[in-house]
Amino acid sequence: MFNQVDVIVVAMKAAPGIRTPQQYLASLGEERRAGIRALHNAIRKAAPALKPGVHFGMLGYGLRHYKYASGREGDWPVVALASQKHHFSLYLCACDQDGYLPVQNKQRLGKVSVGKSCIRFRKLEDLDLKVAMELVKRAARLAGMEK
């Protein structure tokens, strides 16, 4: 059962002063901007209750508070999106009784590589967007932020 957000600490670099999704998008080159904008719009449509922002140098949607048994706690987005040097990263920080959503659905996502909470792909056409947005909706529901 989903009891907490699994936090993957990612060292992200963002240009200083980027505080809004619009600033993040404007900071990207045209080719990268088009892909990130398309994903941003798809995420907003799939899970409108997840408030967008810039968190940890990437676009984040729906901050969720977490606390581990060790006492460590903080806030982390349920869904996040980043333009990396050689690929795009879509983070789905949610799991259910069967495990992490990206891992469970790897074969359905297209030409991607998958980590526990991360889906990496070189170009938007490599990702099965319909399946990815299905998982975004599921992540939002698991986090209690969508019906």
Foldseek 3Di string as FASTA:
>chain_A
DWDFFDDDDDQADADPPAKAPVSLLVVDDPQLSVQVVVLVVLLCVLQVLFDWIADNRWIATRWDWGADPVGDIDIDGQWTWDDDPQWIKIFHRTADPVAAPCVVCVVVFFQWDDDRGITIDRGNVRTPSVSVSVSSNVSCVRRVRHD
